[in-house]
Amino acid sequence: SAAGTQGARDGDAVWGDTAARGCTAAVVFAAGACLVMLGFLATMDME
């Protein structure tokens, strides 16, 4: 029975890795967008 569940665990690990990469990328993109918005705020009074 351990061999039968091992395959499922490997599949979950691959899915978990993909989900972790996706979530990390989303956070990195959100941080980049926040920096651009901060740039808009930094020059709002200048314009």
ModelCIF file with pLDDT and N, C-alpha, C, O atoms, coordinates in Angstrom:
data_MODEL
#
_entry.id   MODEL 
#
_entity.id                         1 
_entity.type                       polymer 
_entity.pdbx_number_of_molecules   1 
#
_entity_poly.entity_id                      1 
_entity_poly.type                           'polypeptide(L)' 
_entity_poly.nstd_linkage                   no 
_entity_poly.nstd_monomer                   no 
_entity_poly.pdbx_seq_one_letter_code       SAAGTQGARDGDAVWGDTAARGCTAAVVFAAGACLVMLGFLATMDME 
_entity_poly.pdbx_seq_one_letter_code_can   SAAGTQGARDGDAVWGDTAARGCTAAVVFAAGACLVMLGFLATMDME 
_entity_poly.pdbx_strand_id                 A 
#
loop_
_entity_poly_seq.entity_id 
_entity_poly_seq.num 
_entity_poly_seq.mon_id 
_entity_poly_seq.hetero 
1 1  SER n 
1 2  ALA n 
1 3  ALA n 
1 4  GLY n 
1 5  THR n 
1 6  GLN n 
1 7  GLY n 
1 8  ALA n 
1 9  ARG n 
1 10 ASP n 
1 11 GLY n 
1 12 ASP n 
1 13 ALA n 
1 14 VAL n 
1 15 TRP n 
1 16 GLY n 
1 17 ASP n 
1 18 THR n 
1 19 ALA n 
1 20 ALA n 
1 21 ARG n 
1 22 GLY n 
1 23 CYS n 
1 24 THR n 
1 25 ALA n 
1 26 ALA n 
1 27 VAL n 
1 28 VAL n 
1 29 PHE n 
1 30 ALA n 
1 31 ALA n 
1 32 GLY n 
1 33 ALA n 
1 34 CYS n 
1 35 LEU n 
1 36 VAL n 
1 37 MET n 
1 38 LEU n 
1 39 GLY n 
1 40 PHE n 
1 41 LEU n 
1 42 ALA n 
1 43 THR n 
1 44 MET n 
1 45 ASP n 
1 46 MET n 
1 47 GLU n 
#
_struct_asym.id          A 
_struct_asym.entity_id   1 
#
loop_
_ma_qa_metric.id 
_ma_qa_metric.mode 
_ma_qa_metric.name 
_ma_qa_metric.software_group_id 
_ma_qa_metric.type 
1 global pLDDT . pLDDT 
2 local  pLDDT . pLDDT 
#
_ma_qa_metric_global.metric_id      1 
_ma_qa_metric_global.metric_value   72.43 
_ma_qa_metric_global.model_id       1 
_ma_qa_metric_global.ordinal_id     1 
#
loop_
_ma_qa_metric_local.label_asym_id 
_ma_qa_metric_local.label_comp_id 
_ma_qa_metric_local.label_seq_id 
_ma_qa_metric_local.metric_id 
_ma_qa_metric_local.metric_value 
_ma_qa_metric_local.model_id 
_ma_qa_metric_local.ordinal_id 
A SER 1  2 50.00 1 1  
A ALA 2  2 50.00 1 2  
A ALA 3  2 50.00 1 3  
A GLY 4  2 49.00 1 4  
A THR 5  2 49.00 1 5  
A GLN 6  2 48.00 1 6  
A GLY 7  2 47.00 1 7  
A ALA 8  2 49.00 1 8  
A ARG 9  2 51.00 1 9  
A ASP 10 2 52.00 1 10 
A GLY 11 2 52.00 1 11 
A ASP 12 2 53.00 1 12 
A ALA 13 2 54.00 1 13 
A VAL 14 2 58.00 1 14 
A TRP 15 2 59.00 1 15 
A GLY 16 2 63.00 1 16 
A ASP 17 2 73.00 1 17 
A THR 18 2 75.00 1 18 
A ALA 19 2 77.00 1 19 
A ALA 20 2 80.00 1 20 
A ARG 21 2 81.00 1 21 
A GLY 22 2 80.00 1 22 
A CYS 23 2 84.00 1 23 
A THR 24 2 86.00 1 24 
A ALA 25 2 85.00 1 25 
A ALA 26 2 86.00 1 26 
A VAL 27 2 90.00 1 27 
A VAL 28 2 89.00 1 28 
A PHE 29 2 88.00 1 29 
A ALA 30 2 90.00 1 30 
A ALA 31 2 92.00 1 31 
A GLY 32 2 90.00 1 32 
A ALA 33 2 90.00 1 33 
A CYS 34 2 92.00 1 34 
A LEU 35 2 91.00 1 35 
A VAL 36 2 89.00 1 36 
A MET 37 2 89.00 1 37 
A LEU 38 2 90.00 1 38 
A GLY 39 2 86.00 1 39 
A PHE 40 2 85.00 1 40 
A LEU 41 2 85.00 1 41 
A ALA 42 2 81.00 1 42 
A THR 43 2 78.00 1 43 
A MET 44 2 70.00 1 44 
A ASP 45 2 66.00 1 45 
A MET 46 2 66.00 1 46 
A GLU 47 2 66.00 1 47 
#
loop_
_atom_site.group_PDB 
_atom_site.id 
_atom_site.type_symbol 
_atom_site.label_atom_id 
_atom_site.label_alt_id 
_atom_site.label_comp_id 
_atom_site.label_asym_id 
_atom_site.label_entity_id 
_atom_site.label_seq_id 
_atom_site.pdbx_PDB_ins_code 
_atom_site.Cartn_x 
_atom_site.Cartn_y 
_atom_site.Cartn_z 
_atom_site.occupancy 
_atom_site.B_iso_or_equiv 
_atom_site.pdbx_formal_charge 
_atom_site.auth_seq_id 
_atom_site.auth_comp_id 
_atom_site.auth_asym_id 
_atom_site.auth_atom_id 
_atom_site.pdbx_PDB_model_num 
ATOM 1   N N  . SER A 1 1  ? 0.822  -1.208 0.000   1.00 50.00 ? 1  SER A N  1 
ATOM 2   C CA . SER A 1 1  ? 0.000  0.000  0.000   1.00 50.00 ? 1  SER A CA 1 
ATOM 3   C C  . SER A 1 1  ? 0.861  1.266  0.000   1.00 50.00 ? 1  SER A C  1 
ATOM 4   O O  . SER A 1 1  ? 0.416  2.307  -0.483  1.00 50.00 ? 1  SER A O  1 
ATOM 5   N N  . ALA A 1 2  ? 2.074  1.194  0.528   1.00 50.00 ? 2  ALA A N  1 
ATOM 6   C CA . ALA A 1 2  ? 2.944  2.377  0.548   1.00 50.00 ? 2  ALA A CA 1 
ATOM 7   C C  . ALA A 1 2  ? 3.349  2.760  -0.879  1.00 50.00 ? 2  ALA A C  1 
ATOM 8   O O  . ALA A 1 2  ? 3.457  3.945  -1.194  1.00 50.00 ? 2  ALA A O  1 
ATOM 9   N N  . ALA A 1 3  ? 3.571  1.776  -1.730  1.00 50.00 ? 3  ALA A N  1 
ATOM 10  C CA . ALA A 1 3  ? 3.954  2.065  -3.114  1.00 50.00 ? 3  ALA A CA 1 
ATOM 11  C C  . ALA A 1 3  ? 2.782  2.688  -3.867  1.00 50.00 ? 3  ALA A C  1 
ATOM 12  O O  . ALA A 1 3  ? 2.987  3.538  -4.733  1.00 50.00 ? 3  ALA A O  1 
ATOM 13  N N  . GLY A 1 4  ? 1.573  2.278  -3.549  1.00 49.00 ? 4  GLY A N  1 
ATOM 14  C CA . GLY A 1 4  ? 0.405  2.836  -4.215  1.00 49.00 ? 4  GLY A CA 1 
ATOM 15  C C  . GLY A 1 4  ? 0.177  4.291  -3.843  1.00 49.00 ? 4  GLY A C  1 
ATOM 16  O O  . GLY A 1 4  ? -0.261 5.078  -4.682  1.00 49.00 ? 4  GLY A O  1 
ATOM 17  N N  . THR A 1 5  ? 0.457  4.655  -2.631  1.00 49.00 ? 5  THR A N  1 
ATOM 18  C CA . THR A 1 5  ? 0.261  6.048  -2.228  1.00 49.00 ? 5  THR A CA 1 
ATOM 19  C C  . THR A 1 5  ? 1.469  6.912  -2.572  1.00 49.00 ? 5  THR A C  1 
ATOM 20  O O  . THR A 1 5  ? 1.355  8.137  -2.628  1.00 49.00 ? 5  THR A O  1 
ATOM 21  N N  . GLN A 1 6  ? 2.607  6.300  -2.801  1.00 48.00 ? 6  GLN A N  1 
ATOM 22  C CA . GLN A 1 6  ? 3.801  7.093  -3.121  1.00 48.00 ? 6  GLN A CA 1 
ATOM 23  C C  . GLN A 1 6  ? 3.631  7.842  -4.434  1.00 48.00 ? 6  GLN A C  1 
ATOM 24  O O  . GLN A 1 6  ? 4.068  8.987  -4.554  1.00 48.00 ? 6  GLN A O  1 
ATOM 25  N N  . GLY A 1 7  ? 3.004  7.212  -5.416  1.00 47.00 ? 7  GLY A N  1 
ATOM 26  C CA . GLY A 1 7  ? 2.777  7.883  -6.684  1.00 47.00 ? 7  GLY A CA 1 
ATOM 27  C C  . GLY A 1 7  ? 1.880  9.099  -6.519  1.00 47.00 ? 7  GLY A C  1 
ATOM 28  O O  . GLY A 1 7  ? 2.109  10.132 -7.149  1.00 47.00 ? 7  GLY A O  1 
ATOM 29  N N  . ALA A 1 8  ? 0.881  8.986  -5.693  1.00 49.00 ? 8  ALA A N  1 
ATOM 30  C CA . ALA A 1 8  ? -0.007 10.123 -5.449  1.00 49.00 ? 8  ALA A CA 1 
ATOM 31  C C  . ALA A 1 8  ? 0.733  11.241 -4.730  1.00 49.00 ? 8  ALA A C  1 
ATOM 32  O O  . ALA A 1 8  ? 0.511  12.420 -5.006  1.00 49.00 ? 8  ALA A O  1 
ATOM 33  N N  . ARG A 1 9  ? 1.599  10.872 -3.821  1.00 51.00 ? 9  ARG A N  1 
ATOM 34  C CA . ARG A 1 9  ? 2.373  11.897 -3.105  1.00 51.00 ? 9  ARG A CA 1 
ATOM 35  C C  . ARG A 1 9  ? 3.324  12.614 -4.045  1.00 51.00 ? 9  ARG A C  1 
ATOM 36  O O  . ARG A 1 9  ? 3.503  13.826 -3.926  1.00 51.00 ? 9  ARG A O  1 
ATOM 37  N N  . ASP A 1 10 ? 3.941  11.894 -4.983  1.00 52.00 ? 10 ASP A N  1 
ATOM 38  C CA . ASP A 1 10 ? 4.831  12.548 -5.945  1.00 52.00 ? 10 ASP A CA 1 
ATOM 39  C C  . ASP A 1 10 ? 4.046  13.529 -6.809  1.00 52.00 ? 10 ASP A C  1 
ATOM 40  O O  . ASP A 1 10 ? 4.528  14.625 -7.094  1.00 52.00 ? 10 ASP A O  1 
ATOM 41  N N  . GLY A 1 11 ? 2.853  13.149 -7.224  1.00 52.00 ? 11 GLY A N  1 
ATOM 42  C CA . GLY A 1 11 ? 2.018  14.041 -8.013  1.00 52.00 ? 11 GLY A CA 1 
ATOM 43  C C  . GLY A 1 11 ? 1.622  15.276 -7.218  1.00 52.00 ? 11 GLY A C  1 
ATOM 44  O O  . GLY A 1 11 ? 1.600  16.383 -7.757  1.00 52.00 ? 11 GLY A O  1 
ATOM 45  N N  . ASP A 1 12 ? 1.311  15.091 -5.939  1.00 53.00 ? 12 ASP A N  1 
ATOM 46  C CA . ASP A 1 12 ? 0.972  16.231 -5.084  1.00 53.00 ? 12 ASP A CA 1 
ATOM 47  C C  . ASP A 1 12 ? 2.173  17.148 -4.906  1.00 53.00 ? 12 ASP A C  1 
ATOM 48  O O  . ASP A 1 12 ? 2.018  18.368 -4.851  1.00 53.00 ? 12 ASP A O  1 
ATOM 49  N N  . ALA A 1 13 ? 3.378  16.568 -4.814  1.00 54.00 ? 13 ALA A N  1 
ATOM 50  C CA . ALA A 1 13 ? 4.579  17.381 -4.648  1.00 54.00 ? 13 ALA A CA 1 
ATOM 51  C C  . ALA A 1 13 ? 4.826  18.233 -5.891  1.00 54.00 ? 13 ALA A C  1 
ATOM 52  O O  . ALA A 1 13 ? 5.211  19.397 -5.782  1.00 54.00 ? 13 ALA A O  1 
ATOM 53  N N  . VAL A 1 14 ? 4.606  17.654 -7.064  1.00 58.00 ? 14 VAL A N  1 
ATOM 54  C CA . VAL A 1 14 ? 4.786  18.417 -8.300  1.00 58.00 ? 14 VAL A CA 1 
ATOM 55  C C  . VAL A 1 14 ? 3.745  19.523 -8.379  1.00 58.00 ? 14 VAL A C  1 
ATOM 56  O O  . VAL A 1 14 ? 4.074  20.655 -8.734  1.00 58.00 ? 14 VAL A O  1 
ATOM 57  N N  . TRP A 1 15 ? 2.494  19.213 -8.052  1.00 59.00 ? 15 TRP A N  1 
ATOM 58  C CA . TRP A 1 15 ? 1.458  20.238 -8.069  1.00 59.00 ? 15 TRP A CA 1 
ATOM 59  C C  . TRP A 1 15 ? 1.754  21.311 -7.036  1.00 59.00 ? 15 TRP A C  1 
ATOM 60  O O  . TRP A 1 15 ? 1.565  22.498 -7.302  1.00 59.00 ? 15 TRP A O  1 
ATOM 61  N N  . GLY A 1 16 ? 2.214  20.905 -5.862  1.00 63.00 ? 16 GLY A N  1 
ATOM 62  C CA . GLY A 1 16 ? 2.549  21.859 -4.805  1.00 63.00 ? 16 GLY A CA 1 
ATOM 63  C C  . GLY A 1 16 ? 3.687  22.770 -5.220  1.00 63.00 ? 16 GLY A C  1 
ATOM 64  O O  . GLY A 1 16 ? 3.679  23.958 -4.900  1.00 63.00 ? 16 GLY A O  1 
ATOM 65  N N  . ASP A 1 17 ? 4.677  22.223 -5.937  1.00 73.00 ? 17 ASP A N  1 
ATOM 66  C CA . ASP A 1 17 ? 5.787  23.026 -6.418  1.00 73.00 ? 17 ASP A CA 1 
ATOM 67  C C  . ASP A 1 17 ? 5.311  24.045 -7.443  1.00 73.00 ? 17 ASP A C  1 
ATOM 68  O O  . ASP A 1 17 ? 5.735  25.200 -7.427  1.00 73.00 ? 17 ASP A O  1 
ATOM 69  N N  . THR A 1 18 ? 4.432  23.611 -8.327  1.00 75.00 ? 18 THR A N  1 
ATOM 70  C CA . THR A 1 18 ? 3.884  24.512 -9.341  1.00 75.00 ? 18 THR A CA 1 
ATOM 71  C C  . THR A 1 18 ? 3.048  25.607 -8.680  1.00 75.00 ? 18 THR A C  1 
ATOM 72  O O  . THR A 1 18 ? 3.134  26.771 -9.074  1.00 75.00 ? 18 THR A O  1 
ATOM 73  N N  . ALA A 1 19 ? 2.255  25.254 -7.700  1.00 77.00 ? 19 ALA A N  1 
ATOM 74  C CA . ALA A 1 19 ? 1.438  26.243 -6.995  1.00 77.00 ? 19 ALA A CA 1 
ATOM 75  C C  . ALA A 1 19 ? 2.322  27.233 -6.241  1.00 77.00 ? 19 ALA A C  1 
ATOM 76  O O  . ALA A 1 19 ? 2.040  28.431 -6.217  1.00 77.00 ? 19 ALA A O  1 
ATOM 77  N N  . ALA A 1 20 ? 3.385  26.732 -5.629  1.00 80.00 ? 20 ALA A N  1 
ATOM 78  C CA . ALA A 1 20 ? 4.298  27.623 -4.904  1.00 80.00 ? 20 ALA A CA 1 
ATOM 79  C C  . ALA A 1 20 ? 4.989  28.584 -5.861  1.00 80.00 ? 20 ALA A C  1 
ATOM 80  O O  . ALA A 1 20 ? 5.154  29.763 -5.548  1.00 80.00 ? 20 ALA A O  1 
ATOM 81  N N  . ARG A 1 21 ? 5.391  28.088 -7.015  1.00 81.00 ? 21 ARG A N  1 
ATOM 82  C CA . ARG A 1 21 ? 6.014  28.969 -8.016  1.00 81.00 ? 21 ARG A CA 1 
ATOM 83  C C  . ARG A 1 21 ? 5.022  30.020 -8.495  1.00 81.00 ? 21 ARG A C  1 
ATOM 84  O O  . ARG A 1 21 ? 5.376  31.191 -8.638  1.00 81.00 ? 21 ARG A O  1 
ATOM 85  N N  . GLY A 1 22 ? 3.792  29.610 -8.742  1.00 80.00 ? 22 GLY A N  1 
ATOM 86  C CA . GLY A 1 22 ? 2.768  30.547 -9.198  1.00 80.00 ? 22 GLY A CA 1 
ATOM 87  C C  . GLY A 1 22 ? 2.464  31.618 -8.165  1.00 80.00 ? 22 GLY A C  1 
ATOM 88  O O  . GLY A 1 22 ? 2.329  32.793 -8.507  1.00 80.00 ? 22 GLY A O  1 
ATOM 89  N N  . CYS A 1 23 ? 2.357  31.221 -6.910  1.00 84.00 ? 23 CYS A N  1 
ATOM 90  C CA . CYS A 1 23 ? 2.081  32.186 -5.843  1.00 84.00 ? 23 CYS A CA 1 
ATOM 91  C C  . CYS A 1 23 ? 3.261  33.136 -5.654  1.00 84.00 ? 23 CYS A C  1 
ATOM 92  O O  . CYS A 1 23 ? 3.069  34.336 -5.457  1.00 84.00 ? 23 CYS A O  1 
ATOM 93  N N  . THR A 1 24 ? 4.468  32.605 -5.714  1.00 86.00 ? 24 THR A N  1 
ATOM 94  C CA . THR A 1 24 ? 5.654  33.452 -5.594  1.00 86.00 ? 24 THR A CA 1 
ATOM 95  C C  . THR A 1 24 ? 5.719  34.448 -6.740  1.00 86.00 ? 24 THR A C  1 
ATOM 96  O O  . THR A 1 24 ? 6.022  35.622 -6.526  1.00 86.00 ? 24 THR A O  1 
ATOM 97  N N  . ALA A 1 25 ? 5.440  33.993 -7.945  1.00 85.00 ? 25 ALA A N  1 
ATOM 98  C CA . ALA A 1 25 ? 5.448  34.891 -9.098  1.00 85.00 ? 25 ALA A CA 1 
ATOM 99  C C  . ALA A 1 25 ? 4.374  35.968 -8.947  1.00 85.00 ? 25 ALA A C  1 
ATOM 100 O O  . ALA A 1 25 ? 4.610  37.126 -9.289  1.00 85.00 ? 25 ALA A O  1 
ATOM 101 N N  . ALA A 1 26 ? 3.208  35.600 -8.441  1.00 86.00 ? 26 ALA A N  1 
ATOM 102 C CA . ALA A 1 26 ? 2.138  36.585 -8.250  1.00 86.00 ? 26 ALA A CA 1 
ATOM 103 C C  . ALA A 1 26 ? 2.562  37.656 -7.245  1.00 86.00 ? 26 ALA A C  1 
ATOM 104 O O  . ALA A 1 26 ? 2.283  38.837 -7.446  1.00 86.00 ? 26 ALA A O  1 
ATOM 105 N N  . VAL A 1 27 ? 3.222  37.259 -6.186  1.00 90.00 ? 27 VAL A N  1 
ATOM 106 C CA . VAL A 1 27 ? 3.703  38.225 -5.189  1.00 90.00 ? 27 VAL A CA 1 
ATOM 107 C C  . VAL A 1 27 ? 4.763  39.131 -5.795  1.00 90.00 ? 27 VAL A C  1 
ATOM 108 O O  . VAL A 1 27 ? 4.770  40.335 -5.537  1.00 90.00 ? 27 VAL A O  1 
ATOM 109 N N  . VAL A 1 28 ? 5.659  38.566 -6.597  1.00 89.00 ? 28 VAL A N  1 
ATOM 110 C CA . VAL A 1 28 ? 6.714  39.362 -7.228  1.00 89.00 ? 28 VAL A CA 1 
ATOM 111 C C  . VAL A 1 28 ? 6.111  40.359 -8.216  1.00 89.00 ? 28 VAL A C  1 
ATOM 112 O O  . VAL A 1 28 ? 6.525  41.518 -8.250  1.00 89.00 ? 28 VAL A O  1 
ATOM 113 N N  . PHE A 1 29 ? 5.141  39.926 -9.016  1.00 88.00 ? 29 PHE A N  1 
ATOM 114 C CA . PHE A 1 29 ? 4.478  40.843 -9.946  1.00 88.00 ? 29 PHE A CA 1 
ATOM 115 C C  . PHE A 1 29 ? 3.715  41.929 -9.189  1.00 88.00 ? 29 PHE A C  1 
ATOM 116 O O  . PHE A 1 29 ? 3.732  43.089 -9.599  1.00 88.00 ? 29 PHE A O  1 
ATOM 117 N N  . ALA A 1 30 ? 3.057  41.575 -8.107  1.00 90.00 ? 30 ALA A N  1 
ATOM 118 C CA . ALA A 1 30 ? 2.324  42.563 -7.310  1.00 90.00 ? 30 ALA A CA 1 
ATOM 119 C C  . ALA A 1 30 ? 3.285  43.587 -6.700  1.00 90.00 ? 30 ALA A C  1 
ATOM 120 O O  . ALA A 1 30 ? 2.969  44.775 -6.640  1.00 90.00 ? 30 ALA A O  1 
ATOM 121 N N  . ALA A 1 31 ? 4.443  43.134 -6.253  1.00 92.00 ? 31 ALA A N  1 
ATOM 122 C CA . ALA A 1 31 ? 5.437  44.064 -5.714  1.00 92.00 ? 31 ALA A CA 1 
ATOM 123 C C  . ALA A 1 31 ? 5.928  45.022 -6.797  1.00 92.00 ? 31 ALA A C  1 
ATOM 124 O O  . ALA A 1 31 ? 6.117  46.210 -6.537  1.00 92.00 ? 31 ALA A O  1 
ATOM 125 N N  . GLY A 1 32 ? 6.133  44.509 -8.011  1.00 90.00 ? 32 GLY A N  1 
ATOM 126 C CA . GLY A 1 32 ? 6.534  45.368 -9.121  1.00 90.00 ? 32 GLY A CA 1 
ATOM 127 C C  . GLY A 1 32 ? 5.471  46.397 -9.447  1.00 90.00 ? 32 GLY A C  1 
ATOM 128 O O  . GLY A 1 32 ? 5.787  47.562 -9.686  1.00 90.00 ? 32 GLY A O  1 
ATOM 129 N N  . ALA A 1 33 ? 4.214  45.981 -9.461  1.00 90.00 ? 33 ALA A N  1 
ATOM 130 C CA . ALA A 1 33 ? 3.120  46.916 -9.736  1.00 90.00 ? 33 ALA A CA 1 
ATOM 131 C C  . ALA A 1 33 ? 3.014  47.966 -8.639  1.00 90.00 ? 33 ALA A C  1 
ATOM 132 O O  . ALA A 1 33 ? 2.732  49.131 -8.921  1.00 90.00 ? 33 ALA A O  1 
ATOM 133 N N  . CYS A 1 34 ? 3.237  47.567 -7.394  1.00 92.00 ? 34 CYS A N  1 
ATOM 134 C CA . CYS A 1 34 ? 3.209  48.533 -6.287  1.00 92.00 ? 34 CYS A CA 1 
ATOM 135 C C  . CYS A 1 34 ? 4.331  49.555 -6.424  1.00 92.00 ? 34 CYS A C  1 
ATOM 136 O O  . CYS A 1 34 ? 4.140  50.728 -6.102  1.00 92.00 ? 34 CYS A O  1 
ATOM 137 N N  . LEU A 1 35 ? 5.495  49.128 -6.897  1.00 91.00 ? 35 LEU A N  1 
ATOM 138 C CA . LEU A 1 35 ? 6.588  50.076 -7.098  1.00 91.00 ? 35 LEU A CA 1 
ATOM 139 C C  . LEU A 1 35 ? 6.252  51.090 -8.185  1.00 91.00 ? 35 LEU A C  1 
ATOM 140 O O  . LEU A 1 35 ? 6.574  52.270 -8.051  1.00 91.00 ? 35 LEU A O  1 
ATOM 141 N N  . VAL A 1 36 ? 5.612  50.645 -9.251  1.00 89.00 ? 36 VAL A N  1 
ATOM 142 C CA . VAL A 1 36 ? 5.213  51.579 -10.307 1.00 89.00 ? 36 VAL A CA 1 
ATOM 143 C C  . VAL A 1 36 ? 4.173  52.561 -9.764  1.00 89.00 ? 36 VAL A C  1 
ATOM 144 O O  . VAL A 1 36 ? 4.246  53.756 -10.052 1.00 89.00 ? 36 VAL A O  1 
ATOM 145 N N  . MET A 1 37 ? 3.215  52.076 -8.990  1.00 89.00 ? 37 MET A N  1 
ATOM 146 C CA . MET A 1 37 ? 2.214  52.967 -8.404  1.00 89.00 ? 37 MET A CA 1 
ATOM 147 C C  . MET A 1 37 ? 2.854  53.951 -7.433  1.00 89.00 ? 37 MET A C  1 
ATOM 148 O O  . MET A 1 37 ? 2.439  55.107 -7.352  1.00 89.00 ? 37 MET A O  1 
ATOM 149 N N  . LEU A 1 38 ? 3.849  53.502 -6.707  1.00 90.00 ? 38 LEU A N  1 
ATOM 150 C CA . LEU A 1 38 ? 4.585  54.399 -5.824  1.00 90.00 ? 38 LEU A CA 1 
ATOM 151 C C  . LEU A 1 38 ? 5.289  55.478 -6.634  1.00 90.00 ? 38 LEU A C  1 
ATOM 152 O O  . LEU A 1 38 ? 5.393  56.622 -6.193  1.00 90.00 ? 38 LEU A O  1 
ATOM 153 N N  . GLY A 1 39 ? 5.772  55.114 -7.819  1.00 86.00 ? 39 GLY A N  1 
ATOM 154 C CA . GLY A 1 39 ? 6.368  56.098 -8.716  1.00 86.00 ? 39 GLY A CA 1 
ATOM 155 C C  . GLY A 1 39 ? 5.352  57.134 -9.177  1.00 86.00 ? 39 GLY A C  1 
ATOM 156 O O  . GLY A 1 39 ? 5.683  58.312 -9.314  1.00 86.00 ? 39 GLY A O  1 
ATOM 157 N N  . PHE A 1 40 ? 4.113  56.702 -9.418  1.00 85.00 ? 40 PHE A N  1 
ATOM 158 C CA . PHE A 1 40 ? 3.060  57.663 -9.771  1.00 85.00 ? 40 PHE A CA 1 
ATOM 159 C C  . PHE A 1 40 ? 2.798  58.618 -8.609  1.00 85.00 ? 40 PHE A C  1 
ATOM 160 O O  . PHE A 1 40 ? 2.645  59.823 -8.809  1.00 85.00 ? 40 PHE A O  1 
ATOM 161 N N  . LEU A 1 41 ? 2.747  58.076 -7.405  1.00 85.00 ? 41 LEU A N  1 
ATOM 162 C CA . LEU A 1 41 ? 2.500  58.923 -6.240  1.00 85.00 ? 41 LEU A CA 1 
ATOM 163 C C  . LEU A 1 41 ? 3.655  59.889 -5.984  1.00 85.00 ? 41 LEU A C  1 
ATOM 164 O O  . LEU A 1 41 ? 3.437  61.003 -5.508  1.00 85.00 ? 41 LEU A O  1 
ATOM 165 N N  . ALA A 1 42 ? 4.871  59.472 -6.294  1.00 81.00 ? 42 ALA A N  1 
ATOM 166 C CA . ALA A 1 42 ? 6.045  60.305 -6.024  1.00 81.00 ? 42 ALA A CA 1 
ATOM 167 C C  . ALA A 1 42 ? 6.060  61.555 -6.891  1.00 81.00 ? 42 ALA A C  1 
ATOM 168 O O  . ALA A 1 42 ? 6.620  62.573 -6.483  1.00 81.00 ? 42 ALA A O  1 
ATOM 169 N N  . THR A 1 43 ? 5.467  61.508 -8.059  1.00 78.00 ? 43 THR A N  1 
ATOM 170 C CA . THR A 1 43 ? 5.504  62.667 -8.958  1.00 78.00 ? 43 THR A CA 1 
ATOM 171 C C  . THR A 1 43 ? 4.151  63.309 -9.165  1.00 78.00 ? 43 THR A C  1 
ATOM 172 O O  . THR A 1 43 ? 4.011  64.181 -10.023 1.00 78.00 ? 43 THR A O  1 
ATOM 173 N N  . MET A 1 44 ? 3.168  62.911 -8.415  1.00 70.00 ? 44 MET A N  1 
ATOM 174 C CA . MET A 1 44 ? 1.835  63.456 -8.632  1.00 70.00 ? 44 MET A CA 1 
ATOM 175 C C  . MET A 1 44 ? 1.818  64.965 -8.440  1.00 70.00 ? 44 MET A C  1 
ATOM 176 O O  . MET A 1 44 ? 1.229  65.676 -9.256  1.00 70.00 ? 44 MET A O  1 
ATOM 177 N N  . ASP A 1 45 ? 2.443  65.472 -7.391  1.00 66.00 ? 45 ASP A N  1 
ATOM 178 C CA . ASP A 1 45 ? 2.430  66.913 -7.174  1.00 66.00 ? 45 ASP A CA 1 
ATOM 179 C C  . ASP A 1 45 ? 3.346  67.636 -8.154  1.00 66.00 ? 45 ASP A C  1 
ATOM 180 O O  . ASP A 1 45 ? 3.135  68.815 -8.439  1.00 66.00 ? 45 ASP A O  1 
ATOM 181 N N  . MET A 1 46 ? 4.367  66.943 -8.677  1.00 66.00 ? 46 MET A N  1 
ATOM 182 C CA . MET A 1 46 ? 5.279  67.555 -9.636  1.00 66.00 ? 46 MET A CA 1 
ATOM 183 C C  . MET A 1 46 ? 4.565  67.839 -10.956 1.00 66.00 ? 46 MET A C  1 
ATOM 184 O O  . MET A 1 46 ? 4.928  68.777 -11.665 1.00 66.00 ? 46 MET A O  1 
ATOM 185 N N  . GLU A 1 47 ? 3.567  67.046 -11.285 1.00 66.00 ? 47 GLU A N  1 
ATOM 186 C CA . GLU A 1 47 ? 2.871  67.178 -12.557 1.00 66.00 ? 47 GLU A CA 1 
ATOM 187 C C  . GLU A 1 47 ? 1.657  68.093 -12.488 1.00 66.00 ? 47 GLU A C  1 
ATOM 188 O O  . GLU A 1 47 ? 0.977  68.293 -13.494 1.00 66.00 ? 47 GLU A O  1 
#
